[in-house]
Amino acid sequence: MLPTQVILALLVLQLALAIPLFAVVIQLLRWLHWCFMANPLSRGDRPQFTGPVLALVFSALAATDFLSFEPFVTMSAMNPIPESGRAYFTVAMLALAVWSWAYAGTIRNRVRALLGAA
C-alpha cells in the first residue's frame, strides 16, 4: 500500500475506536442523568449500552495490531489468527462492530431470552 493509504487506514481505525468510546461516555452521562436528575414520572426508558459497548469491544479487537500500548500489545500477542490473515480479521471485527451497533436491540433481547430474563 502507498503511505497515504496506510495513513488513511490508520485514521479510519482511530475513528472506529473513538466513535464508540465517545458514544459509551455519552450513554453513561445520559444514564447518570436518568438515575439522579430526571423526573421519575417523565424520564422515559433507561439508556441502553449494548450497541456502543459491543462496537467498542469489536473495534478494540480490530485495532490490536495497530496500537502499540497496553492492553493492545498483549491482545495482539494472544491473537490466534496468523499474520497473513490479520487484515481479514481487522475487517471482520470492524464489520461486527457495525453489525452489533445496528442490531443491538435484537442482540440484547436474544441474550435475555437465553438467560430467561425476558
C-alpha atoms as a PDB file:
ATOM      1  CA  MET A   1       0.000   0.000   0.000  1.00  0.00           C
ATOM      2  CA  LEU A   2       1.039   3.552  -0.526  1.00  0.00           C
ATOM      3  CA  PRO A   3       1.983   5.601   2.529  1.00  0.00           C
ATOM      4  CA  THR A   4      -1.090   7.815   2.134  1.00  0.00           C
ATOM      5  CA  GLN A   5      -3.328   4.747   2.088  1.00  0.00           C
ATOM      6  CA  VAL A   6      -1.714   3.468   5.279  1.00  0.00           C
ATOM      7  CA  ILE A   7      -2.186   6.822   6.986  1.00  0.00           C
ATOM      8  CA  LEU A   8      -5.811   6.953   5.850  1.00  0.00           C
ATOM      9  CA  ALA A   9      -6.416   3.392   7.094  1.00  0.00           C
ATOM     10  CA  LEU A  10      -4.933   4.247  10.490  1.00  0.00           C
ATOM     11  CA  LEU A  11      -7.090   7.369  10.752  1.00  0.00           C
ATOM     12  CA  VAL A  12     -10.206   5.343   9.936  1.00  0.00           C
ATOM     13  CA  LEU A  13      -9.209   2.780  12.567  1.00  0.00           C
ATOM     14  CA  GLN A  14      -8.734   5.524  15.153  1.00  0.00           C
ATOM     15  CA  LEU A  15     -12.191   6.876  14.313  1.00  0.00           C
ATOM     16  CA  ALA A  16     -13.584   3.348  14.628  1.00  0.00           C
ATOM     17  CA  LEU A  17     -12.260   3.324  18.197  1.00  0.00           C
ATOM     18  CA  ALA A  18     -13.041   6.909  19.116  1.00  0.00           C
ATOM     19  CA  ILE A  19     -16.678   6.990  17.990  1.00  0.00           C
ATOM     20  CA  PRO A  20     -17.870   4.008  20.095  1.00  0.00           C
ATOM     21  CA  LEU A  21     -15.838   5.261  23.070  1.00  0.00           C
ATOM     22  CA  PHE A  22     -17.474   8.664  22.750  1.00  0.00           C
ATOM     23  CA  ALA A  23     -20.901   7.015  22.435  1.00  0.00           C
ATOM     24  CA  VAL A  24     -20.317   4.957  25.597  1.00  0.00           C
ATOM     25  CA  VAL A  25     -19.360   8.116  27.502  1.00  0.00           C
ATOM     26  CA  ILE A  26     -22.482   9.892  26.238  1.00  0.00           C
ATOM     27  CA  GLN A  27     -24.680   6.942  27.211  1.00  0.00           C
ATOM     28  CA  LEU A  28     -23.068   6.874  30.649  1.00  0.00           C
ATOM     29  CA  LEU A  29     -23.807  10.571  31.101  1.00  0.00           C
ATOM     30  CA  ARG A  30     -27.377  10.022  29.918  1.00  0.00           C
ATOM     31  CA  TRP A  31     -27.734   7.119  32.374  1.00  0.00           C
ATOM     32  CA  LEU A  32     -26.418   9.233  35.265  1.00  0.00           C
ATOM     33  CA  HIS A  33     -28.900  11.966  34.358  1.00  0.00           C
ATOM     34  CA  TRP A  34     -31.678   9.390  34.059  1.00  0.00           C
ATOM     35  CA  CYS A  35     -30.877   7.907  37.500  1.00  0.00           C
ATOM     36  CA  PHE A  36     -30.256  11.001  39.560  1.00  0.00           C
ATOM     37  CA  MET A  37     -31.644  14.114  37.920  1.00  0.00           C
ATOM     38  CA  ALA A  38     -34.590  13.231  35.694  1.00  0.00           C
ATOM     39  CA  ASN A  39     -38.164  13.359  36.905  1.00  0.00           C
ATOM     40  CA  PRO A  40     -39.192   9.728  37.634  1.00  0.00           C
ATOM     41  CA  LEU A  41     -42.663  10.324  36.192  1.00  0.00           C
ATOM     42  CA  SER A  42     -41.472  11.594  32.812  1.00  0.00           C
ATOM     43  CA  ARG A  43     -37.937  10.296  32.334  1.00  0.00           C
ATOM     44  CA  GLY A  44     -38.753   7.532  29.857  1.00  0.00           C
ATOM     45  CA  ASP A  45     -36.766   4.353  29.250  1.00  0.00           C
ATOM     46  CA  ARG A  46     -33.302   3.733  30.640  1.00  0.00           C
ATOM     47  CA  PRO A  47     -30.438   4.438  28.174  1.00  0.00           C
ATOM     48  CA  GLN A  48     -29.084   1.245  26.619  1.00  0.00           C
ATOM     49  CA  PHE A  49     -25.388   0.369  26.374  1.00  0.00           C
ATOM     50  CA  THR A  50     -25.448  -2.781  24.246  1.00  0.00           C
ATOM     51  CA  GLY A  51     -24.658  -1.294  20.829  1.00  0.00           C
ATOM     52  CA  PRO A  52     -21.885   1.134  21.795  1.00  0.00           C
ATOM     53  CA  VAL A  53     -20.191  -1.328  24.162  1.00  0.00           C
ATOM     54  CA  LEU A  54     -20.184  -4.181  21.630  1.00  0.00           C
ATOM     55  CA  ALA A  55     -18.958  -1.813  18.924  1.00  0.00           C
ATOM     56  CA  LEU A  56     -16.173  -0.661  21.258  1.00  0.00           C
ATOM     57  CA  VAL A  57     -15.138  -4.256  22.004  1.00  0.00           C
ATOM     58  CA  PHE A  58     -15.023  -5.274  18.343  1.00  0.00           C
ATOM     59  CA  SER A  59     -13.247  -2.060  17.347  1.00  0.00           C
ATOM     60  CA  ALA A  60     -10.659  -2.652  20.052  1.00  0.00           C
ATOM     61  CA  LEU A  61     -10.098  -6.175  18.729  1.00  0.00           C
ATOM     62  CA  ALA A  62      -9.667  -4.753  15.239  1.00  0.00           C
ATOM     63  CA  ALA A  63      -7.070  -2.269  16.477  1.00  0.00           C
ATOM     64  CA  THR A  64      -4.887  -4.737  18.384  1.00  0.00           C
ATOM     65  CA  ASP A  65      -2.213  -4.933  15.689  1.00  0.00           C
ATOM     66  CA  PHE A  66      -2.038  -1.206  15.095  1.00  0.00           C
ATOM     67  CA  LEU A  67      -1.786   0.275  18.588  1.00  0.00           C
ATOM     68  CA  SER A  68       1.472  -0.099  20.485  1.00  0.00           C
ATOM     69  CA  PHE A  69       0.353   0.336  24.089  1.00  0.00           C
ATOM     70  CA  GLU A  70      -1.208  -1.988  26.606  1.00  0.00           C
ATOM     71  CA  PRO A  71      -3.585  -3.839  26.578  1.00  0.00           C
ATOM     72  CA  PHE A  72      -3.454  -3.907  22.771  1.00  0.00           C
ATOM     73  CA  VAL A  73       0.080  -5.353  22.639  1.00  0.00           C
ATOM     74  CA  THR A  74      -0.904  -8.281  24.851  1.00  0.00           C
ATOM     75  CA  MET A  75      -4.130  -8.840  22.927  1.00  0.00           C
ATOM     76  CA  SER A  76      -2.183  -8.875  19.666  1.00  0.00           C
ATOM     77  CA  ALA A  77       0.259 -11.442  21.051  1.00  0.00           C
ATOM     78  CA  MET A  78      -2.630 -13.654  22.207  1.00  0.00           C
ATOM     79  CA  ASN A  79      -4.467 -13.444  18.868  1.00  0.00           C
ATOM     80  CA  PRO A  80      -4.572 -16.947  17.317  1.00  0.00           C
ATOM     81  CA  ILE A  81      -5.016 -15.591  13.777  1.00  0.00           C
ATOM     82  CA  PRO A  82      -1.827 -15.971  11.696  1.00  0.00           C
ATOM     83  CA  GLU A  83      -0.114 -12.804  10.494  1.00  0.00           C
ATOM     84  CA  SER A  84      -1.219 -13.467   6.919  1.00  0.00           C
ATOM     85  CA  GLY A  85      -4.881 -13.310   7.954  1.00  0.00           C
ATOM     86  CA  ARG A  86      -4.775 -10.308  10.268  1.00  0.00           C
ATOM     87  CA  ALA A  87      -6.085  -7.886   7.627  1.00  0.00           C
ATOM     88  CA  TYR A  88      -9.163 -10.072   7.166  1.00  0.00           C
ATOM     89  CA  PHE A  89      -9.535 -10.276  10.947  1.00  0.00           C
ATOM     90  CA  THR A  90      -9.452  -6.479  11.208  1.00  0.00           C
ATOM     91  CA  VAL A  91     -12.101  -6.056   8.518  1.00  0.00           C
ATOM     92  CA  ALA A  92     -14.276  -8.757  10.102  1.00  0.00           C
ATOM     93  CA  MET A  93     -14.073  -7.118  13.538  1.00  0.00           C
ATOM     94  CA  LEU A  94     -14.995  -3.727  12.083  1.00  0.00           C
ATOM     95  CA  ALA A  95     -17.928  -5.323  10.261  1.00  0.00           C
ATOM     96  CA  LEU A  96     -19.045  -6.961  13.528  1.00  0.00           C
ATOM     97  CA  ALA A  97     -18.779  -3.584  15.263  1.00  0.00           C
ATOM     98  CA  VAL A  98     -21.139  -2.011  12.734  1.00  0.00           C
ATOM     99  CA  TRP A  99     -23.467  -5.029  12.819  1.00  0.00           C
ATOM    100  CA  SER A 100     -23.638  -5.112  16.611  1.00  0.00           C
ATOM    101  CA  TRP A 101     -24.396  -1.404  16.762  1.00  0.00           C
ATOM    102  CA  ALA A 102     -27.164  -1.733  14.174  1.00  0.00           C
ATOM    103  CA  TYR A 103     -28.774  -4.779  15.795  1.00  0.00           C
ATOM    104  CA  ALA A 104     -28.117  -4.015  19.469  1.00  0.00           C
ATOM    105  CA  GLY A 105     -31.760  -4.348  20.492  1.00  0.00           C
ATOM    106  CA  THR A 106     -32.115  -7.767  18.886  1.00  0.00           C
ATOM    107  CA  ILE A 107     -28.863  -8.973  20.433  1.00  0.00           C
ATOM    108  CA  ARG A 108     -29.948  -7.751  23.882  1.00  0.00           C
ATOM    109  CA  ASN A 109     -33.365  -9.410  23.565  1.00  0.00           C
ATOM    110  CA  ARG A 110     -31.905 -12.741  22.457  1.00  0.00           C
ATOM    111  CA  VAL A 111     -29.371 -12.802  25.282  1.00  0.00           C
ATOM    112  CA  ARG A 112     -32.146 -12.002  27.761  1.00  0.00           C
ATOM    113  CA  ALA A 113     -34.278 -14.776  26.300  1.00  0.00           C
ATOM    114  CA  LEU A 114     -31.405 -17.256  26.584  1.00  0.00           C
ATOM    115  CA  LEU A 115     -30.883 -16.266  30.220  1.00  0.00           C
ATOM    116  CA  GLY A 116     -34.588 -16.479  30.926  1.00  0.00           C
ATOM    117  CA  ALA A 117     -34.927 -12.824  31.895  1.00  0.00           C
ATOM    118  CA  ALA A 118     -37.255 -11.846  29.055  1.00  0.00           C
END
